[in-house]
Structure formats: structure tokens, C-alpha cells
Amino acid sequence: MSIDTVATTPFAGQRPGTSGLRKKVSEFMQPGYLENFVQAIFDTLGAVHGKTLVVGGDGRYFNRPAIGIIVRMAAAHGFARVLVGQHGILSTPAVSCVIRQRGACGGLILSASHNPGGPDGDFGIKYNGDNGGPAPETFTDAVYHATATLAHYRISDDSAPALATLGSFACDGMQVEIIDSVADYAALMGELFDFDAIRALFASGFRMRFDGMHAVSGPYAHAIFEGLLGASAGTVIHGTPLEDFGGGHPDPNPVCAAELMAIMFAADAPDVGAASDGDADRNMIVGRALAVTPSDSLAILAANATLVPGYRAGLRGIARSMPTSQAADLVASALGVPCFETPTGWKYFGNLLDAGMATLCGEESYGTGSTHIREKDGVWAVLFWLNLLAVTGKPVDTIVREHWARFGRHYYSRHDYEAVASAPAAAMMAELRAGVAALAGARLGDFTVALADDFSYTDPVDQSVASGQGIRIVMTDGSRIVLRLSGTGTEGATVRLYLEKYEADAARHDLDVQQVLAPLAAIAEQLSGLRARSGRSGPTVVT
């Protein structure tokens, strides 16, 4: 076999976002497009001889052909070994786990997370480093600059092994090991959680419904919930990964997981419902007739962490993304630990976790995680909740309401304006950025502005600075309006509006969320002109 050096020319726009490079499948399938980006990653990595690389994805369209290309390119660059999930399946949390457990130098994750799949859908690729976490911005910037000057890529002309059979195979002298997609991850979960207590919970007649959304979490849910923990057959629905996610949108929120919501709001609802997304790093928890917000979930897990074996020593700190509600801040204060407010993007949590400054982390976009890996983790979050339910003997709604009674309720909502024309969205943000500082002290409706800025973050570990992270307007009563552009979409711009209002009075904890937040929504519209700018009469999705 031989190594081919293939002449190429740069493709415009291969700049990684907060979660790697995401584009339409059709763009990735252009001859040389994926190869160029992978070559830029390998060039940025430098010497990789003798090292181990992990490769896997969420099973979406083009997943397996892309893995074949990557394996052959890895052989051409001198990797000693590549670990690939069986059938090309490895959830994002599992990739992080395998990197850390097997001493790999890093991994390539093929996923566009919660974005739709299929031939007309989205595809994505990102590199995670040897700590298991997303590559830092210095690395992704270097990759982008490399893509702009590429003249060739290197690839073996050997055949990549089939992905269905477990075992070791050769590719141009490199070892390719097809590994069980679930085993390493399930073993780690068994170390963190009281599986005996959860088995007893299911044996008592406790019922759960887990929606895999025809995405990558299905195999993990079948193996762990129905297999290791003894949940009844049928607990997992939509548990077979499909290249187009069954035509659905694999985003675990009340809108996209409408079937699960209908089950959980029915008269004969199971005790708990849960869902995960395309690559299994997000989660939604639903009690009977009660969807738990991601912000509340993070705060509740933190407040009860010592009930779970893996966290009995307590928390060193909590970290949340800036748009996430301030519910975790109150828990951190009660525990006497710091609460870090970071930009959106899991890579910002990695430094805090590696430095031992934080134990639990969370984002409002249904992502929660901890020191066990360096990614958010959907199945882990569900297991955490199951462990709490088993130990306390309380239903989900009781745990949530007791938490509100102790800490107060943060009414919270996110309004997404998707596929907005990029130019007016950018212009809106630029105008807000230019005038936001002048809002301090202003009276807006019934609120007075205490702080208004374009959020900037100085990393307490390496002192790196991330600026321009979103417009933040904080009122004197703690209420907040946040506006930012998301980096996860593949068409136009996605504008996210976040609204938050704190309520300490337990007698006012059952109000309609959108009615409570309506005055803040009106102020946000007055300041931004978002509906006119977007050409929309309202948000695409409200969660």
C-alpha cells in the first residue's frame, strides 16, 4: 500500500464555531472538503507518530464514509492506532471518556449535535484534545488559518476496515481497533452512581420513558437503563440511530420532543421522562406534568450532589454559561463554593475542570456535565436524576418544588429566531453593542437597569480573554435580558433572546412562565427591534 499526496485548493469558510465545523451535508460531501479540514487539523497537531486517535460520530448521514476517509488519512500521517466505535457510533461524551480512559492524544467527533440529519441536513466535525474536551480557540484558529493555505492532503490508498465487527485490523501498517461503543462509558457510569439503588427503584415498579430521538443515545440507553439497571422493555423509545433521525429534529426540548411531553402530561404518565439529542451530550428531564428547565436541573443536581457516590466529597465549584439562569449561583453561595459565569461553549468549562476549580457545569441549552469527562453528558444527567429519585424516594415535582421553596424560583425562557438573514442580525447586535453601556441606571418599564454590557470573560486559569459574548442587561431586582448570536446553525444567523425573573415568594411559584416574562420580552423588543430586524412575527422556537 502507498500514501497518496493529493493536490487541493482551499475552501472558503472552514472556520470552526463553538462546536467545530458545521455545514450542510452536501457541502461536506464535495470532493476534498472533509479531507482539507482533517488535513488542517493534522497539520496543526504536528507530530503524531506513535499516538492514538479516537474517531466516532452520532450516526447521521455521511458518518460512516467520513470515518473511512479519516482512518485512511490517519494512517498516512503516522498514527499508531485509531479507536473507532462499532458501526461508527460513539456519543460525544463517550469519545471524551475513551480519550481519557485509553490515553489517546485526542479524537475526532462527527456530529452536528442537535441539528437535523439526512441527505438535506447538517454535518459536523470537531477535534477534542487529550483531556477529552473541545480544542481551545487557539487551536481552532490555527486550524482555520491552515485551511486557507492548503495545497495538498495525504491519504492512504488502503481500504478502511468495515465498522460492524469488533476487533483489530490493519490499515497501511496502522492498527484500527473497532471498539464496543458503550462499554467504556457504561463502566465509568457504574463508578459514579449507585446502580444497586437504581436497580431497586426500577424493581419496585418505577417507570421511566427515555426518548433517544433516533439518535446516538439509543444504544447507551438500551444497554444501561434496560440492560444494566433492569428498566422494563419499552422504557427506551426511538432508540435506534437513523441517518436522518427519523425525520425529526434531535433537540431534547419540549417542542422537539413533543411525543415525550404528551406521554408525561397524560393521566397515566410514567414517574419520569427524559430525552437526549443527536450526539447524546444534552438532556431534558420531565416529571409528571412538569418539564425541568436546564438551569433548574443544574442547580438541583448541585444542591443534592452529596447524595450520589461520585460526588459525596462535595463540590469545588459550579460553572454556568452566561445566558444560563442564576439559579446555580444561589446554590453555590449556600454551599460556600464559587460559581463561575463563562461564555457559551463547553471549552470554557474545560480549564476550570482541569484546574480543579469546578465540579459541575451547565448550559441553558440542555447541557450538564462534571469532572468525569470534558463534555456535557446527557445519559449521565439522567442517571444523576435517577440516583436522586432512588435515594430520596421523592418524585420529580416534589424535588423541584422543594428546591424552589428553599432557593426561590428563576422564571426563565429562551426565544430562538432561527435562519435569520445574517446582515440585519449582525447590524442589530452592533447597534446594541454600541449603546448598551449607556443603559446603566435607565428606567425601562417597571425595571431599573443595574448593569448593561457586552459580556467579556477573563479565564481565571490561563488569563485568556473572550469578548463580544452577548448583550447582557441586568435589572436591580436581578431580572435579566440577554441577546446573542448562536454559532451552532448552518443557515443565516440564529438570534437567541434569554429572559429571566427571580421570584422568592413560594405562593407565586406556579405562575405562567411567559406571562411572568412578558414585560421583559417587551423591553427586549423595544431595545432591539428584533422582530422587525428578523422579519418574523415571533420566535421560531420558545423553550
Protein backbone atom coordinates (compact mmCIF):
# COMPACT_ATOMS: atom_id res chain seq x y z
CA MET A 1 0.00 0.00 0.00
CA SER A 2 1.10 3.60 -0.51
CA ILE A 3 0.47 7.11 0.71
CA ASP A 4 -1.05 9.45 -1.85
CA THR A 5 -0.37 13.18 -1.79
CA VAL A 6 -3.40 14.76 -3.41
CA ALA A 7 -3.29 18.31 -4.78
CA THR A 8 -6.08 20.51 -3.44
CA THR A 9 -7.21 24.11 -3.18
CA PRO A 10 -8.64 25.84 -0.11
CA PHE A 11 -12.38 26.02 0.55
CA ALA A 12 -13.68 29.29 1.90
CA GLY A 13 -15.43 29.42 5.24
CA GLN A 14 -13.89 26.48 7.07
CA ARG A 15 -13.76 28.37 10.37
CA PRO A 16 -14.78 26.20 13.34
CA GLY A 17 -17.52 27.60 15.56
CA THR A 18 -18.26 26.89 19.22
CA SER A 19 -18.65 23.17 18.40
CA GLY A 20 -16.38 22.59 15.43
CA LEU A 21 -17.16 22.97 11.75
CA ARG A 22 -20.84 22.59 10.85
CA LYS A 23 -22.19 22.80 7.33
CA LYS A 24 -24.79 21.18 5.14
CA VAL A 25 -24.09 17.54 4.25
CA SER A 26 -23.89 18.49 0.59
CA GLU A 27 -21.05 20.89 1.36
CA PHE A 28 -19.10 18.30 3.32
CA MET A 29 -19.55 15.76 0.53
CA GLN A 30 -17.77 17.92 -2.03
CA PRO A 31 -14.56 16.20 -3.19
CA GLY A 32 -11.74 17.27 -0.91
CA TYR A 33 -13.84 19.30 1.52
CA LEU A 34 -13.64 16.94 4.51
CA GLU A 35 -10.10 15.94 3.55
CA ASN A 36 -8.94 19.56 3.61
CA PHE A 37 -10.33 20.19 7.06
CA VAL A 38 -8.90 16.96 8.50
CA GLN A 39 -5.52 17.75 6.92
CA ALA A 40 -5.60 21.18 8.59
CA ILE A 41 -6.27 19.50 11.95
CA PHE A 42 -3.41 17.04 11.48
CA ASP A 43 -1.08 19.82 10.33
CA THR A 44 -1.96 21.80 13.46
CA LEU A 45 -1.37 18.77 15.67
CA GLY A 46 2.13 18.30 14.29
CA ALA A 47 3.99 15.08 15.09
CA VAL A 48 1.50 12.26 15.72
CA HIS A 49 3.74 9.24 15.14
CA GLY A 50 3.04 6.52 17.68
CA LYS A 51 -0.09 8.23 19.06
CA THR A 52 -3.69 7.04 19.43
CA LEU A 53 -6.69 8.81 17.89
CA VAL A 54 -10.36 8.19 18.74
CA VAL A 55 -12.98 8.54 15.99
CA GLY A 56 -16.76 8.23 16.17
CA GLY A 57 -19.99 10.00 15.48
CA ASP A 58 -23.73 10.22 16.01
CA GLY A 59 -24.72 8.02 13.08
CA ARG A 60 -26.07 10.80 10.90
CA TYR A 61 -25.89 10.73 7.11
CA PHE A 62 -22.29 10.61 5.77
CA ASN A 63 -20.97 9.43 9.17
CA ARG A 64 -19.51 6.12 8.01
CA PRO A 65 -17.96 7.29 4.71
CA ALA A 66 -16.35 10.19 6.60
CA ILE A 67 -14.85 7.79 9.14
CA GLY A 68 -13.34 5.75 6.31
CA ILE A 69 -11.65 8.88 4.94
CA ILE A 70 -10.37 9.90 8.37
CA VAL A 71 -8.94 6.44 9.12
CA ARG A 72 -7.04 6.39 5.82
CA MET A 73 -5.72 9.91 6.43
CA ALA A 74 -4.66 8.98 9.97
CA ALA A 75 -2.68 6.06 8.53
CA ALA A 76 -1.00 8.43 6.10
CA HIS A 77 0.09 10.72 8.94
CA GLY A 78 1.69 8.08 11.13
CA PHE A 79 -0.78 7.44 13.93
CA ALA A 80 -0.05 4.12 15.60
CA ARG A 81 -3.64 3.31 16.42
CA VAL A 82 -7.16 4.57 15.76
CA LEU A 83 -10.05 3.55 18.01
CA VAL A 84 -13.41 3.61 16.22
CA GLY A 85 -16.84 2.97 17.71
CA GLN A 86 -18.65 -0.07 16.30
CA HIS A 87 -20.80 0.93 13.29
CA GLY A 88 -19.10 4.33 13.58
CA ILE A 89 -21.17 5.10 16.69
CA LEU A 90 -19.64 6.96 19.61
CA SER A 91 -21.55 9.62 21.50
CA THR A 92 -19.72 12.87 22.20
CA PRO A 93 -19.49 12.01 25.95
CA ALA A 94 -18.24 8.53 25.06
CA VAL A 95 -15.49 9.97 22.84
CA SER A 96 -14.35 12.13 25.76
CA CYS A 97 -14.48 9.10 28.05
CA VAL A 98 -12.48 6.86 25.68
CA ILE A 99 -9.83 9.54 25.09
CA ARG A 100 -9.30 9.83 28.84
CA GLN A 101 -9.54 6.11 29.64
CA ARG A 102 -7.29 4.92 26.78
CA GLY A 103 -4.64 7.66 26.88
CA ALA A 104 -5.37 8.95 23.37
CA CYS A 105 -3.89 12.21 22.09
CA GLY A 106 -7.39 13.30 21.06
CA GLY A 107 -10.40 12.44 18.98
CA LEU A 108 -12.49 13.48 16.02
CA ILE A 109 -16.24 13.66 16.64
CA LEU A 110 -18.53 13.58 13.62
CA SER A 111 -21.72 15.29 14.64
CA ALA A 112 -23.79 18.41 14.23
CA SER A 113 -25.27 17.76 17.67
CA HIS A 114 -28.98 18.65 17.79
CA ASN A 115 -29.17 19.84 14.15
CA PRO A 116 -31.32 17.80 11.70
CA GLY A 117 -29.70 14.99 9.72
CA GLY A 118 -30.25 13.16 6.44
CA PRO A 119 -29.06 13.98 2.91
CA ASP A 120 -30.51 17.50 3.15
CA GLY A 121 -29.49 18.02 6.76
CA ASP A 122 -26.34 19.07 8.56
CA PHE A 123 -22.96 17.50 9.25
CA GLY A 124 -20.15 18.50 11.55
CA ILE A 125 -16.69 17.61 12.79
CA LYS A 126 -14.69 18.78 15.77
CA TYR A 127 -11.42 17.87 17.44
CA ASN A 128 -11.17 17.12 21.17
CA GLY A 129 -7.78 17.17 22.87
CA ASP A 130 -6.04 14.76 25.22
CA ASN A 131 -8.11 15.92 28.20
CA GLY A 132 -11.22 14.78 26.30
CA GLY A 133 -12.54 18.30 25.87
CA PRO A 134 -13.12 20.55 22.84
CA ALA A 135 -10.00 22.11 21.42
CA PRO A 136 -9.24 25.63 22.69
CA GLU A 137 -9.76 28.65 20.48
CA THR A 138 -6.02 28.98 19.84
CA PHE A 139 -6.08 25.54 18.24
CA THR A 140 -9.24 26.08 16.18
CA ASP A 141 -7.91 29.44 14.97
CA ALA A 142 -4.74 27.71 13.82
CA VAL A 143 -6.82 25.08 12.01
CA TYR A 144 -8.78 27.79 10.24
CA HIS A 145 -5.62 29.55 9.10
CA ALA A 146 -4.25 26.23 7.85
CA THR A 147 -7.38 25.64 5.75
CA ALA A 148 -6.73 28.92 3.92
CA THR A 149 -3.33 27.85 2.58
CA LEU A 150 -3.65 24.11 1.95
CA ALA A 151 -2.09 22.86 -1.27
CA HIS A 152 -2.39 19.11 -0.67
CA TYR A 153 -3.67 16.43 1.67
CA ARG A 154 -2.26 12.98 2.42
CA ILE A 155 -4.28 9.76 2.44
CA SER A 156 -3.54 6.04 2.31
CA ASP A 157 -4.79 4.09 -0.69
CA ASP A 158 -5.52 1.13 1.60
CA SER A 159 -9.10 0.18 2.36
CA ALA A 160 -10.56 1.25 5.68
CA PRO A 161 -11.86 -1.68 7.77
CA ALA A 162 -15.57 -2.41 7.97
CA LEU A 163 -17.09 -0.89 11.09
CA ALA A 164 -19.52 -3.66 12.07
CA THR A 165 -17.07 -6.22 13.50
CA LEU A 166 -15.31 -5.75 16.83
CA GLY A 167 -11.56 -6.37 16.78
CA SER A 168 -8.24 -5.09 15.47
CA PHE A 169 -7.47 -4.57 11.80
CA ALA A 170 -4.60 -3.08 9.83
CA CYS A 171 -4.71 -0.03 7.58
CA ASP A 172 -1.39 0.63 5.88
CA GLY A 173 0.52 -0.51 8.95
CA MET A 174 -1.69 1.37 11.43
CA GLN A 175 -3.81 -0.54 13.93
CA VAL A 176 -7.54 0.14 13.69
CA GLU A 177 -9.49 -1.13 16.68
CA ILE A 178 -13.27 -1.34 16.38
CA ILE A 179 -14.46 -0.98 19.98
CA ASP A 180 -17.75 -1.53 21.78
CA SER A 181 -19.42 1.87 21.64
CA VAL A 182 -20.91 1.63 25.14
CA ALA A 183 -18.54 -0.44 27.32
CA ASP A 184 -16.00 2.18 28.49
CA TYR A 185 -18.70 4.75 29.12
CA ALA A 186 -21.02 2.35 30.99
CA ALA A 187 -18.16 1.26 33.25
CA LEU A 188 -17.47 4.88 34.19
CA MET A 189 -21.15 5.47 34.97
CA GLY A 190 -21.08 2.46 37.29
CA GLU A 191 -18.29 4.13 39.27
CA LEU A 192 -20.19 7.40 39.70
CA PHE A 193 -23.71 6.24 40.51
CA ASP A 194 -25.36 3.75 42.87
CA PHE A 195 -26.54 1.23 40.30
CA ASP A 196 -27.87 -1.08 43.04
CA ALA A 197 -30.17 1.66 44.33
CA ILE A 198 -31.39 2.48 40.82
CA ARG A 199 -31.98 -1.23 40.08
CA ALA A 200 -34.07 -1.45 43.25
CA LEU A 201 -36.01 1.63 42.13
CA PHE A 202 -36.94 0.01 38.82
CA ALA A 203 -37.68 -3.31 40.55
CA SER A 204 -40.21 -1.51 42.77
CA GLY A 205 -42.37 -0.70 39.74
CA PHE A 206 -40.91 2.73 38.99
CA ARG A 207 -41.49 3.68 35.36
CA MET A 208 -39.42 5.82 33.03
CA ARG A 209 -39.70 6.81 29.40
CA PHE A 210 -36.46 7.75 27.64
CA ASP A 211 -36.65 9.24 24.13
CA GLY A 212 -33.49 8.54 22.14
CA MET A 213 -34.88 10.65 19.26
CA HIS A 214 -33.46 8.07 16.78
CA ALA A 215 -30.04 9.48 17.65
CA VAL A 216 -26.86 8.19 19.24
CA SER A 217 -28.06 7.92 22.85
CA GLY A 218 -30.31 4.97 21.97
CA PRO A 219 -27.65 2.24 22.23
CA TYR A 220 -26.41 3.69 25.53
CA ALA A 221 -29.93 3.92 26.93
CA HIS A 222 -30.81 0.36 25.91
CA ALA A 223 -27.57 -1.02 27.36
CA ILE A 224 -27.61 0.92 30.62
CA PHE A 225 -31.27 1.59 31.50
CA GLU A 226 -32.91 -1.56 30.15
CA GLY A 227 -29.81 -3.77 30.41
CA LEU A 228 -27.65 -2.98 33.44
CA LEU A 229 -30.39 -1.31 35.53
CA GLY A 230 -33.34 -3.53 34.71
CA ALA A 231 -35.83 -0.96 33.41
CA SER A 232 -38.68 -2.67 31.61
CA ALA A 233 -38.57 -3.30 27.87
CA GLY A 234 -40.09 -0.31 26.09
CA THR A 235 -38.61 2.21 28.53
CA VAL A 236 -36.46 3.46 25.65
CA ILE A 237 -38.37 4.78 22.64
CA HIS A 238 -36.85 5.82 19.32
CA GLY A 239 -33.69 4.06 20.45
CA THR A 240 -32.28 3.03 17.07
CA PRO A 241 -29.93 5.61 15.50
CA LEU A 242 -31.06 6.59 12.00
CA GLU A 243 -29.15 8.64 9.45
CA ASP A 244 -31.97 11.19 9.29
CA PHE A 245 -33.08 10.83 12.95
CA GLY A 246 -36.39 9.50 11.69
CA GLY A 247 -37.10 12.83 10.03
CA GLY A 248 -37.17 14.55 13.40
CA HIS A 249 -35.17 17.32 14.99
CA PRO A 250 -33.00 15.64 17.68
CA ASP A 251 -33.08 18.50 20.17
CA PRO A 252 -34.31 17.49 23.65
CA ASN A 253 -36.69 20.32 24.42
CA PRO A 254 -40.46 20.44 24.94
CA VAL A 255 -41.04 21.48 21.31
CA CYS A 256 -38.93 18.87 19.50
CA ALA A 257 -39.70 16.09 22.00
CA ALA A 258 -43.45 16.64 21.73
CA GLU A 259 -44.25 12.91 21.87
CA LEU A 260 -42.43 12.53 25.19
CA MET A 261 -44.15 15.62 26.54
CA ALA A 262 -47.56 14.18 25.62
CA ILE A 263 -46.66 10.96 27.45
CA MET A 264 -45.52 12.83 30.55
CA PHE A 265 -48.56 15.12 30.68
CA ALA A 266 -51.04 12.25 30.26
CA ALA A 267 -53.12 10.91 33.14
CA ASP A 268 -51.13 7.63 33.29
CA ALA A 269 -47.70 9.24 32.89
CA PRO A 270 -44.57 7.34 33.95
CA ASP A 271 -42.67 8.55 37.00
CA VAL A 272 -40.00 10.35 34.96
CA GLY A 273 -39.32 11.17 31.35
CA ALA A 274 -36.02 12.03 29.72
CA ALA A 275 -34.55 12.69 26.29
CA SER A 276 -31.17 13.26 24.73
CA ASP A 277 -30.02 14.83 21.47
CA GLY A 278 -28.20 13.89 18.29
CA ASP A 279 -24.82 13.17 19.89
CA ALA A 280 -26.09 12.45 23.44
CA ASP A 281 -24.47 15.40 25.17
CA ARG A 282 -27.74 17.17 26.03
CA ASN A 283 -30.63 16.11 28.24
CA MET A 284 -34.17 17.01 29.19
CA ILE A 285 -35.78 15.84 32.43
CA VAL A 286 -39.57 15.76 32.71
CA GLY A 287 -41.63 14.88 35.76
CA ARG A 288 -45.34 14.22 35.66
CA ALA A 289 -46.77 17.38 34.07
CA LEU A 290 -43.56 19.29 34.80
CA ALA A 291 -40.62 19.95 32.46
CA VAL A 292 -37.48 20.79 34.44
CA THR A 293 -35.56 23.70 32.92
CA PRO A 294 -31.86 23.01 32.28
CA SER A 295 -30.92 25.88 34.61
CA ASP A 296 -33.00 24.39 37.44
CA SER A 297 -31.63 20.92 36.72
CA LEU A 298 -28.04 22.12 37.17
CA ALA A 299 -28.94 23.88 40.42
CA ILE A 300 -30.84 20.87 41.79
CA LEU A 301 -28.05 18.42 40.96
CA ALA A 302 -25.55 20.73 42.64
CA ALA A 303 -27.69 21.15 45.75
CA ASN A 304 -28.09 17.37 46.12
CA ALA A 305 -24.74 16.17 44.78
CA THR A 306 -23.52 14.61 48.03
CA LEU A 307 -26.37 12.06 47.83
CA VAL A 308 -24.61 10.48 44.83
CA PRO A 309 -21.50 8.27 45.30
CA GLY A 310 -19.29 10.04 42.77
CA TYR A 311 -19.86 13.45 44.42
CA ARG A 312 -20.08 12.64 48.15
CA ALA A 313 -16.89 14.60 48.78
CA GLY A 314 -18.77 17.76 47.78
CA LEU A 315 -18.27 20.32 45.06
CA ARG A 316 -15.25 22.52 44.50
CA GLY A 317 -17.27 24.94 42.42
CA ILE A 318 -20.06 25.31 39.89
CA ALA A 319 -19.80 26.84 36.43
CA ARG A 320 -22.58 28.05 34.17
CA SER A 321 -22.68 29.79 30.83
CA MET A 322 -23.62 33.47 30.97
CA PRO A 323 -27.10 33.02 29.40
CA THR A 324 -27.96 30.25 31.88
CA SER A 325 -30.18 31.37 34.75
CA GLN A 326 -28.67 32.41 38.07
CA ALA A 327 -30.29 29.51 39.95
CA ALA A 328 -26.90 27.79 40.36
CA ASP A 329 -25.41 30.96 41.84
CA LEU A 330 -27.70 30.72 44.87
CA VAL A 331 -26.78 27.07 45.41
CA ALA A 332 -23.07 27.86 45.18
CA SER A 333 -23.50 30.63 47.74
CA ALA A 334 -25.29 28.26 50.13
CA LEU A 335 -22.56 25.65 49.68
CA GLY A 336 -19.80 28.21 50.12
CA VAL A 337 -18.19 27.43 46.76
CA PRO A 338 -17.55 29.71 43.76
CA CYS A 339 -19.91 29.95 40.79
CA PHE A 340 -18.16 30.85 37.52
CA GLU A 341 -20.02 32.65 34.73
CA THR A 342 -18.45 31.73 31.37
CA PRO A 343 -19.21 32.34 27.70
CA THR A 344 -21.32 29.77 25.87
CA GLY A 345 -19.28 26.76 24.74
CA TRP A 346 -18.10 23.76 26.70
CA LYS A 347 -14.44 24.52 26.04
CA TYR A 348 -14.64 27.34 28.60
CA PHE A 349 -15.52 24.84 31.31
CA GLY A 350 -12.55 22.62 30.46
CA ASN A 351 -9.93 24.86 32.07
CA LEU A 352 -11.96 25.14 35.27
CA LEU A 353 -12.45 21.38 35.45
CA ASP A 354 -8.81 20.60 34.68
CA ALA A 355 -7.68 23.09 37.32
CA GLY A 356 -9.96 21.55 39.96
CA MET A 357 -11.87 24.80 40.36
CA ALA A 358 -15.31 23.43 39.40
CA THR A 359 -17.07 20.08 39.73
CA LEU A 360 -20.43 20.60 37.99
CA CYS A 361 -21.08 22.68 34.86
CA GLY A 362 -24.16 23.53 32.86
CA GLU A 363 -25.64 25.47 29.98
CA GLU A 364 -29.20 26.59 29.41
CA SER A 365 -29.22 24.69 26.12
CA TYR A 366 -29.95 21.41 27.92
CA GLY A 367 -26.31 20.57 28.64
CA THR A 368 -24.96 19.47 32.02
CA GLY A 369 -21.71 17.76 32.99
CA SER A 370 -18.99 17.29 35.56
CA THR A 371 -15.37 16.39 36.13
CA HIS A 372 -15.92 12.79 34.97
CA ILE A 373 -15.27 13.82 31.33
CA ARG A 374 -14.76 17.11 29.49
CA GLU A 375 -18.07 17.30 27.66
CA LYS A 376 -21.66 17.79 28.67
CA ASP A 377 -23.34 14.43 29.08
CA GLY A 378 -27.00 13.59 28.53
CA VAL A 379 -27.16 9.99 29.81
CA TRP A 380 -25.03 10.92 32.84
CA ALA A 381 -27.54 13.65 33.76
CA VAL A 382 -30.44 11.18 33.55
CA LEU A 383 -28.55 8.72 35.76
CA PHE A 384 -27.87 11.53 38.25
CA TRP A 385 -31.60 12.25 38.46
CA LEU A 386 -32.42 8.53 38.78
CA ASN A 387 -29.94 8.25 41.64
CA LEU A 388 -31.58 11.22 43.40
CA LEU A 389 -35.04 9.74 42.90
CA ALA A 390 -33.86 6.38 44.26
CA VAL A 391 -32.16 7.85 47.34
CA THR A 392 -34.82 10.41 48.28
CA GLY A 393 -37.89 8.39 47.36
CA LYS A 394 -39.45 11.64 46.15
CA PRO A 395 -40.99 12.30 42.71
CA VAL A 396 -39.50 14.84 40.33
CA ASP A 397 -42.06 17.57 41.00
CA THR A 398 -41.53 17.35 44.78
CA ILE A 399 -37.75 17.67 44.40
CA VAL A 400 -38.21 20.69 42.12
CA ARG A 401 -40.77 22.44 44.32
CA GLU A 402 -38.75 21.86 47.49
CA HIS A 403 -35.77 23.39 45.72
CA TRP A 404 -37.84 26.44 44.74
CA ALA A 405 -39.14 26.77 48.30
CA ARG A 406 -35.58 26.84 49.61
CA PHE A 407 -33.85 28.94 46.95
CA GLY A 408 -36.67 30.73 45.11
CA ARG A 409 -37.75 30.20 41.50
CA HIS A 410 -35.98 31.67 38.50
CA TYR A 411 -38.64 32.09 35.80
CA TYR A 412 -36.68 31.58 32.62
CA SER A 413 -37.19 31.20 28.87
CA ARG A 414 -35.21 31.21 25.63
CA HIS A 415 -36.69 32.61 22.40
CA ASP A 416 -34.90 31.45 19.25
CA TYR A 417 -35.10 33.29 15.93
CA GLU A 418 -33.58 30.76 13.52
CA ALA A 419 -32.20 31.18 9.98
CA VAL A 420 -32.40 34.98 10.18
CA ALA A 421 -30.60 36.93 7.45
CA SER A 422 -27.05 37.42 8.68
CA ALA A 423 -26.62 41.11 7.77
CA PRO A 424 -29.57 42.56 9.73
CA ALA A 425 -28.82 40.27 12.67
CA ALA A 426 -25.22 41.50 12.78
CA ALA A 427 -26.35 45.10 12.42
CA MET A 428 -28.78 44.71 15.32
CA MET A 429 -26.06 43.31 17.56
CA ALA A 430 -23.63 46.05 16.53
CA GLU A 431 -26.14 48.77 17.43
CA LEU A 432 -26.92 47.15 20.76
CA ARG A 433 -23.22 46.80 21.48
CA ALA A 434 -22.59 50.47 20.73
CA GLY A 435 -25.32 51.73 23.04
CA VAL A 436 -25.59 49.14 25.78
CA ALA A 437 -23.30 50.81 28.33
CA ALA A 438 -25.50 53.92 28.33
CA LEU A 439 -28.44 51.88 29.66
CA ALA A 440 -27.00 51.63 33.18
CA GLY A 441 -29.35 53.43 35.55
CA ALA A 442 -32.13 53.75 32.97
CA ARG A 443 -35.74 53.10 33.87
CA LEU A 444 -37.27 50.51 31.50
CA GLY A 445 -40.93 49.84 32.23
CA ASP A 446 -41.12 48.72 35.86
CA PHE A 447 -37.40 47.88 35.94
CA THR A 448 -34.23 49.84 36.58
CA VAL A 449 -31.03 48.76 34.85
CA ALA A 450 -28.21 47.91 37.24
CA LEU A 451 -25.70 46.63 34.69
CA ALA A 452 -25.61 46.61 30.88
CA ASP A 453 -22.66 45.36 28.86
CA ASP A 454 -21.34 43.16 26.08
CA PHE A 455 -20.18 40.20 28.14
CA SER A 456 -16.44 39.63 28.32
CA TYR A 457 -14.71 36.78 30.16
CA THR A 458 -11.20 36.54 31.52
CA ASP A 459 -10.31 32.91 32.12
CA PRO A 460 -9.13 32.58 35.74
CA VAL A 461 -6.78 29.74 34.79
CA ASP A 462 -4.86 30.99 31.74
CA GLN A 463 -5.98 34.65 31.72
CA SER A 464 -7.20 34.40 28.11
CA VAL A 465 -9.95 36.87 27.22
CA ALA A 466 -13.14 36.16 25.31
CA SER A 467 -15.06 39.32 24.35
CA GLY A 468 -18.23 40.04 22.43
CA GLN A 469 -20.06 37.14 24.06
CA GLY A 470 -23.56 38.61 24.19
CA ILE A 471 -25.52 41.65 25.29
CA ARG A 472 -26.41 41.42 28.96
CA ILE A 473 -28.93 43.75 30.65
CA VAL A 474 -29.31 43.11 34.38
CA MET A 475 -32.00 44.84 36.43
CA THR A 476 -31.75 45.93 40.05
CA ASP A 477 -34.06 43.07 41.10
CA GLY A 478 -31.81 40.51 39.36
CA SER A 479 -34.01 40.12 36.29
CA ARG A 480 -32.04 39.75 33.07
CA ILE A 481 -32.32 40.15 29.32
CA VAL A 482 -29.60 38.52 27.22
CA LEU A 483 -29.22 38.66 23.44
CA ARG A 484 -26.59 36.79 21.47
CA LEU A 485 -25.92 35.15 18.12
CA SER A 486 -25.55 31.38 18.23
CA GLY A 487 -22.73 29.59 16.43
CA THR A 488 -24.48 26.22 16.03
CA GLY A 489 -26.67 26.85 12.99
CA THR A 490 -25.73 26.29 9.35
CA GLU A 491 -28.13 28.74 7.67
CA GLY A 492 -28.02 32.51 8.19
CA ALA A 493 -27.93 33.59 11.82
CA THR A 494 -29.67 32.25 14.91
CA VAL A 495 -30.57 35.02 17.36
CA ARG A 496 -31.23 33.88 20.91
CA LEU A 497 -33.12 36.00 23.42
CA TYR A 498 -32.98 34.91 27.06
CA LEU A 499 -35.36 36.22 29.72
CA GLU A 500 -35.09 35.68 33.47
CA LYS A 501 -37.00 36.91 36.54
CA TYR A 502 -36.46 35.77 40.12
CA GLU A 503 -39.37 35.08 42.46
CA ALA A 504 -38.70 34.32 46.14
CA ASP A 505 -42.35 34.05 47.23
CA ALA A 506 -43.41 30.38 47.17
CA ALA A 507 -47.02 31.46 46.71
CA ARG A 508 -46.01 32.81 43.29
CA HIS A 509 -44.12 29.74 42.03
CA ASP A 510 -46.93 28.39 39.84
CA LEU A 511 -47.47 31.33 37.50
CA ASP A 512 -47.36 31.08 33.72
CA VAL A 513 -43.73 31.46 32.66
CA GLN A 514 -44.33 33.52 29.53
CA GLN A 515 -46.76 35.86 31.31
CA VAL A 516 -44.22 36.50 34.07
CA LEU A 517 -41.55 37.24 31.46
CA ALA A 518 -43.76 39.23 29.06
CA PRO A 519 -42.68 42.67 30.40
CA LEU A 520 -39.02 41.75 29.89
CA ALA A 521 -39.79 40.45 26.39
CA ALA A 522 -41.45 43.77 25.55
CA ILE A 523 -38.39 45.70 26.76
CA ALA A 524 -36.10 43.47 24.71
CA GLU A 525 -38.17 44.13 21.61
CA GLN A 526 -38.19 47.87 22.29
CA LEU A 527 -34.38 47.93 22.61
CA SER A 528 -33.51 45.59 19.73
CA GLY A 529 -36.32 45.73 17.19
CA LEU A 530 -35.71 42.00 16.86
CA ARG A 531 -38.99 41.16 15.14
CA ALA A 532 -38.58 43.84 12.51
CA ARG A 533 -34.90 43.02 12.02
CA SER A 534 -35.61 39.32 11.63
CA GLY A 535 -38.73 39.79 9.53
CA ARG A 536 -40.54 37.47 11.94
CA SER A 537 -43.73 37.99 13.89
CA GLY A 538 -42.26 35.98 16.74
CA PRO A 539 -39.64 33.41 17.69
CA THR A 540 -39.19 30.16 15.77
CA VAL A 541 -38.94 28.14 18.99
CA VAL A 542 -39.69 29.03 22.61
CA THR A 543 -38.22 26.86 25.37
